[in-house]
Protein backbone atom coordinates (compact mmCIF):
# COMPACT_ATOMS: atom_id res chain seq x y z
CA MET A 1 -0.05 0.09 0.02
CA ILE A 2 1.16 3.42 -0.72
CA LYS A 3 -0.32 7.01 -0.67
CA ASP A 4 -0.63 9.90 -3.28
CA THR A 5 -1.84 13.35 -1.71
CA ASP A 6 -1.07 15.13 -4.78
CA ASN A 7 -3.85 17.62 -6.09
CA ASN A 8 -5.86 17.24 -2.73
CA TRP A 9 -6.52 13.57 -3.31
CA PHE A 10 -5.64 10.83 -0.93
CA THR A 11 -4.93 7.73 -2.98
CA GLU A 12 -4.34 4.25 -1.61
CA ILE A 13 -2.74 2.07 -4.20
CA HIS A 14 -3.10 -1.89 -3.81
CA SER A 15 -0.38 -2.66 -6.04
CA GLN A 16 -0.76 -6.42 -5.22
CA ALA A 17 -4.09 -6.24 -7.32
CA GLY A 18 -3.35 -3.45 -9.56
CA SER A 19 -5.96 -1.41 -8.02
CA ALA A 20 -6.50 2.21 -6.24
CA PHE A 21 -9.11 3.98 -4.25
CA SER A 22 -8.95 7.91 -3.97
CA LEU A 23 -10.87 10.27 -1.72
CA GLN A 24 -10.75 14.30 -2.39
CA VAL A 25 -9.57 15.86 0.99
CA ARG A 26 -10.09 19.56 1.99
CA GLU A 27 -7.47 19.42 4.46
CA LYS A 28 -5.21 17.41 6.99
CA LEU A 29 -6.39 17.57 10.56
CA HIS A 30 -4.13 15.76 12.20
CA ASP A 31 -0.58 13.65 11.82
CA GLU A 32 1.13 11.88 14.39
CA GLN A 33 3.58 8.91 14.89
CA SER A 34 2.17 7.00 17.96
CA ALA A 35 4.45 4.35 19.88
CA TYR A 36 3.10 1.75 17.18
CA GLN A 37 1.99 3.43 14.04
CA HIS A 38 1.38 6.39 11.91
CA ILE A 39 -2.00 7.93 12.38
CA GLU A 40 -3.42 10.86 10.17
CA ILE A 41 -6.94 12.34 9.95
CA TYR A 42 -8.24 14.11 6.78
CA ALA A 43 -11.46 16.18 6.20
CA THR A 44 -12.72 14.72 2.79
CA THR A 45 -15.00 16.56 0.55
CA HIS A 46 -17.86 13.55 0.44
CA PHE A 47 -16.79 10.94 3.09
CA GLY A 48 -16.57 12.97 6.01
CA ASN A 49 -13.40 12.52 8.00
CA LEU A 50 -10.79 9.81 7.02
CA MET A 51 -8.55 8.12 9.46
CA VAL A 52 -5.46 6.62 7.92
CA ILE A 53 -3.11 4.16 9.65
CA ASP A 54 0.20 3.43 8.03
CA GLY A 55 -0.91 4.77 4.88
CA CYS A 56 -4.06 2.62 4.71
CA TYR A 57 -7.67 3.55 4.83
CA MET A 58 -9.08 2.67 8.67
CA LEU A 59 -12.32 4.15 8.35
CA THR A 60 -14.42 7.06 7.03
CA GLY A 61 -17.54 8.96 8.39
CA LEU A 62 -19.48 8.12 5.41
CA ASP A 63 -19.26 4.18 5.20
CA ASN A 64 -17.99 3.02 8.47
CA PHE A 65 -21.45 1.77 9.36
CA LEU A 66 -21.32 -0.97 7.08
CA TYR A 67 -18.18 -2.48 8.72
CA HIS A 68 -19.19 -1.89 12.23
CA GLU A 69 -22.45 -3.34 11.93
CA MET A 70 -21.43 -6.44 10.20
CA MET A 71 -18.61 -7.08 12.70
CA CYS A 72 -20.70 -6.99 15.40
CA HIS A 73 -24.64 -7.93 14.99
CA PRO A 74 -24.27 -11.08 12.88
CA ALA A 75 -22.28 -12.60 16.07
CA LEU A 76 -24.34 -11.36 18.54
CA PHE A 77 -27.65 -12.83 17.01
CA THR A 78 -25.95 -16.17 16.30
CA HIS A 79 -24.88 -16.53 20.13
CA PRO A 80 -28.09 -17.52 22.01
CA ASP A 81 -27.69 -15.14 24.95
CA PRO A 82 -24.59 -13.05 24.75
CA LYS A 83 -23.72 -11.26 27.73
CA ARG A 84 -20.04 -10.86 27.81
CA VAL A 85 -18.11 -9.60 24.76
CA VAL A 86 -14.58 -8.83 24.09
CA ILE A 87 -13.40 -6.89 21.21
CA ILE A 88 -9.67 -7.22 20.02
CA GLY A 89 -8.69 -4.12 18.49
CA GLY A 90 -11.43 -1.79 17.28
CA GLY A 91 -9.75 1.30 18.78
CA ASP A 92 -12.18 3.79 16.92
CA CYS A 93 -14.82 2.39 19.29
CA GLY A 94 -17.58 1.82 16.42
CA THR A 95 -17.79 -1.67 17.02
CA LEU A 96 -18.05 -1.10 20.73
CA ARG A 97 -20.96 1.14 20.13
CA GLU A 98 -22.82 -1.35 18.10
CA VAL A 99 -22.05 -3.98 20.84
CA LEU A 100 -23.82 -1.83 23.52
CA LYS A 101 -27.00 -1.39 21.36
CA HIS A 102 -27.87 -4.97 22.44
CA PRO A 103 -29.72 -4.94 25.93
CA GLY A 104 -28.75 -8.20 27.17
CA VAL A 105 -24.86 -7.43 26.93
CA GLU A 106 -23.56 -6.84 30.53
CA HIS A 107 -19.98 -6.30 29.89
CA ALA A 108 -17.98 -5.19 26.70
CA LEU A 109 -14.21 -4.91 26.82
CA GLN A 110 -12.42 -3.19 24.15
CA VAL A 111 -8.75 -4.36 24.05
CA ASP A 112 -6.57 -2.10 21.78
CA ILE A 113 -2.82 -1.80 21.80
CA ASP A 114 -2.72 1.79 20.94
CA GLU A 115 -4.77 4.30 23.13
CA ARG A 116 -3.87 7.07 20.57
CA VAL A 117 -6.58 5.80 18.23
CA THR A 118 -9.19 5.88 20.69
CA ARG A 119 -8.19 9.43 21.89
CA LEU A 120 -8.22 10.73 17.89
CA ALA A 121 -11.63 9.03 17.18
CA GLU A 122 -12.97 10.73 20.43
CA THR A 123 -12.03 14.22 18.78
CA TYR A 124 -12.68 13.55 15.03
CA PHE A 125 -15.54 10.64 15.03
CA PRO A 126 -17.25 11.48 18.22
CA GLU A 127 -20.38 9.82 17.01
CA LEU A 128 -18.44 6.27 17.08
CA CYS A 129 -17.54 7.10 20.77
CA GLU A 130 -20.93 8.01 22.03
CA SER A 131 -21.03 4.54 24.00
CA ASN A 132 -17.55 5.00 25.80
CA ASP A 133 -19.08 6.17 29.10
CA ASP A 134 -21.73 3.46 29.07
CA PRO A 135 -21.27 1.78 32.37
CA ARG A 136 -21.05 -1.69 30.63
CA ALA A 137 -18.07 -0.48 28.63
CA GLU A 138 -14.42 -1.21 29.70
CA LEU A 139 -11.42 0.31 27.59
CA TYR A 140 -8.07 -1.42 28.15
CA PHE A 141 -5.06 -0.46 26.26
CA GLY A 142 -2.58 -3.50 26.05
CA ASP A 143 -1.74 -6.33 23.68
CA GLY A 144 -4.83 -8.15 22.72
CA ILE A 145 -3.01 -11.37 22.01
CA GLU A 146 -1.39 -11.46 25.79
CA TRP A 147 -4.84 -10.38 27.09
CA MET A 148 -6.38 -13.55 25.42
CA LYS A 149 -3.80 -15.95 26.54
CA GLN A 150 -4.55 -14.94 29.97
CA ALA A 151 -8.47 -14.86 29.85
CA PRO A 152 -9.95 -17.54 32.18
CA ALA A 153 -11.44 -20.42 30.25
CA GLY A 154 -14.99 -19.97 29.65
CA SER A 155 -15.20 -16.55 30.52
CA VAL A 156 -16.56 -14.91 27.20
CA ASP A 157 -19.57 -15.19 25.25
CA VAL A 158 -18.28 -13.28 21.99
CA ILE A 159 -15.15 -12.26 20.68
CA ILE A 160 -14.90 -9.46 18.00
CA VAL A 161 -11.33 -9.40 16.45
CA ASP A 162 -11.79 -5.96 14.89
CA SER A 163 -8.11 -5.88 13.61
CA THR A 164 -6.15 -4.01 11.02
CA ASP A 165 -4.59 -5.82 8.10
CA PRO A 166 -2.47 -9.02 9.18
CA VAL A 167 1.03 -7.06 9.11
CA GLY A 168 2.77 -5.48 12.04
CA PRO A 169 1.01 -5.60 15.50
CA ALA A 170 -1.95 -7.40 13.91
CA GLU A 171 -0.22 -10.38 12.21
CA GLY A 172 -0.49 -12.81 15.21
CA LEU A 173 -4.20 -12.21 15.34
CA PHE A 174 -4.49 -14.26 12.27
CA THR A 175 -2.76 -17.39 13.56
CA GLU A 176 -4.09 -20.77 14.92
CA THR A 177 -2.39 -20.14 18.28
CA PHE A 178 -4.39 -16.98 18.75
CA PHE A 179 -7.65 -18.63 17.91
CA ARG A 180 -6.83 -21.47 20.30
CA SER A 181 -6.60 -18.81 22.97
CA CYS A 182 -10.04 -17.53 22.04
CA HIS A 183 -11.63 -21.02 21.80
CA SER A 184 -10.42 -21.47 25.56
CA ALA A 185 -11.76 -18.23 26.51
CA LEU A 186 -15.05 -18.76 24.89
CA GLY A 187 -18.02 -20.44 26.88
CA ALA A 188 -19.94 -23.56 25.29
CA ASP A 189 -21.77 -21.54 23.04
CA GLY A 190 -18.97 -19.21 22.27
CA VAL A 191 -18.90 -17.38 19.09
CA ILE A 192 -15.86 -15.41 17.30
CA VAL A 193 -15.76 -12.82 14.63
CA GLN A 194 -12.84 -11.88 12.92
CA GLN A 195 -12.39 -9.49 9.86
CA SER A 196 -11.21 -11.28 7.00
CA GLU A 197 -10.34 -8.69 4.21
CA SER A 198 -11.62 -8.83 0.46
CA PRO A 199 -13.20 -11.89 -0.90
CA LEU A 200 -12.18 -10.76 -4.38
CA PHE A 201 -8.54 -10.24 -3.39
CA HIS A 202 -7.80 -12.25 -0.38
CA TYR A 203 -9.97 -15.61 -0.49
CA ASP A 204 -7.07 -17.75 -1.06
CA SER A 205 -4.45 -15.86 0.87
CA ILE A 206 -6.23 -14.85 4.09
CA ILE A 207 -9.86 -16.54 4.20
CA LYS A 208 -9.15 -20.23 3.40
CA PRO A 209 -6.16 -20.14 5.69
CA MET A 210 -8.28 -18.49 8.30
CA HIS A 211 -10.86 -21.29 8.13
CA LYS A 212 -8.35 -23.64 8.40
CA ALA A 213 -6.67 -22.12 11.49
CA MET A 214 -9.98 -21.80 13.32
CA ARG A 215 -10.93 -25.38 12.65
CA ASP A 216 -7.46 -26.74 13.76
CA ALA A 217 -7.98 -24.56 16.82
CA GLY A 218 -11.00 -26.54 17.79
CA PHE A 219 -14.00 -24.33 16.30
CA SER A 220 -16.57 -26.77 14.96
CA ASP A 221 -18.28 -24.37 12.13
CA CYS A 222 -16.98 -21.26 10.39
CA VAL A 223 -18.58 -19.05 7.77
CA THR A 224 -17.50 -15.82 5.87
CA LEU A 225 -19.83 -12.93 5.55
CA PRO A 226 -19.39 -10.81 2.82
CA PHE A 227 -20.67 -7.13 2.66
CA PRO A 228 -19.78 -3.82 0.84
CA GLN A 229 -17.14 -1.43 2.03
CA PRO A 230 -16.33 1.21 -0.62
CA CYS A 231 -13.01 2.60 1.15
CA TYR A 232 -11.33 -0.88 1.38
CA PRO A 233 -9.65 -2.57 -1.41
CA SER A 234 -11.74 -4.07 -3.97
CA GLY A 235 -14.95 -2.21 -2.25
CA TRP A 236 -15.86 -5.88 -1.03
CA TRP A 237 -14.94 -6.77 2.58
CA SER A 238 -15.88 -9.84 4.60
CA ALA A 239 -16.17 -11.01 8.36
CA THR A 240 -15.45 -14.77 9.25
CA LEU A 241 -17.56 -16.17 11.79
CA ALA A 242 -16.75 -19.29 13.85
CA GLY A 243 -18.37 -21.20 16.76
CA LYS A 244 -18.13 -24.02 19.32
CA ARG A 245 -21.47 -25.00 17.71
CA PRO A 246 -23.01 -24.29 14.18
CA VAL A 247 -23.01 -20.75 12.88
CA GLN A 248 -25.14 -21.07 9.91
CA GLU A 249 -28.37 -20.13 11.87
CA PHE A 250 -29.13 -17.13 13.99
CA ARG A 251 -31.95 -15.74 16.15
CA THR A 252 -34.07 -14.61 13.27
CA ALA A 253 -36.92 -13.52 15.11
CA ALA A 254 -34.78 -11.45 17.48
CA ALA A 255 -32.74 -9.77 14.67
CA GLN A 256 -36.39 -9.08 13.00
CA SER A 257 -37.64 -7.27 16.24
CA LYS A 258 -34.44 -5.76 17.24
CA THR A 259 -35.16 -2.74 19.53
CA PHE A 260 -32.27 -0.68 18.26
CA THR A 261 -31.48 1.25 14.90
CA THR A 262 -28.90 -0.04 12.51
CA ARG A 263 -28.38 1.58 8.66
CA TYR A 264 -27.45 -1.70 7.03
CA TYR A 265 -28.01 -4.83 9.22
CA ASN A 266 -31.00 -6.80 9.39
CA ALA A 267 -32.12 -10.12 9.26
CA GLY A 268 -32.76 -10.36 5.64
CA ILE A 269 -29.02 -8.93 5.10
CA HIS A 270 -27.66 -11.60 7.63
CA ALA A 271 -29.51 -14.32 5.93
CA GLY A 272 -28.28 -13.02 2.67
CA ALA A 273 -24.76 -13.03 3.79
CA LEU A 274 -24.93 -16.61 4.80
CA ALA A 275 -25.21 -17.39 1.14
CA ALA A 276 -21.72 -17.99 -0.16
CA PRO A 277 -20.16 -17.03 -3.59
CA GLU A 278 -19.79 -20.19 -5.61
CA PHE A 279 -16.22 -19.75 -5.66
CA PHE A 280 -16.02 -20.17 -1.87
CA ASN A 281 -16.89 -23.72 -2.57
CA SER A 282 -14.03 -24.36 -4.89
């Protein structure tokens, strides 16, 4: 990935796939090197604020709801009664906000290694952080891999791995070893969901190996849910869901009668995402 900010356009080039995506920017709002990564914030002309980490798009004000809703609600409606949720990563707090829309959730812990992402989100994406003061929310800034290693067995209902691409600090979140720690921490009905990149660009390199790693770690079932995401490479993204029990069905009636507002997710979207593209079966 490389960037180009000439002529007021920020372009992320995905050279491996011979593609690029550009947003027109009005101004740079923030630029810093944290202890872990290079974080930039831009104001764009049409996509709201843009967060960039190490030259790659992380989120925009316009389309982040697609990602955050699909990273959260399919997993929580798949578990029969989710009360204890752990988010690994997710420093922008958008996934935390979606988790806490579920009234049955009693505790949601967000574990992110870089506190600066959260503090910048509070400034430039305050709508994503509106649940940070919810008494059920807990923010912990540290290594998610180490936290999961030490988690008591059976202490979590749902794990959401809201990570960056599998490079640098996030690389270890895509391994069988990490998934084994997650399997141990989850209860008998436990569900894990992990962002799994582009089905078009990364099916063979990331999604298929992730399925194998999850099954080798002990999960009995897994499925990849595709969804649109304009600002990410190919415009088509995915979340891979795995469970100790089958994850091909969900609490459809509860999803249909949900008591909170979403912009993309509903029971029909969930059901449709479970229908895999034909090449997933190859």
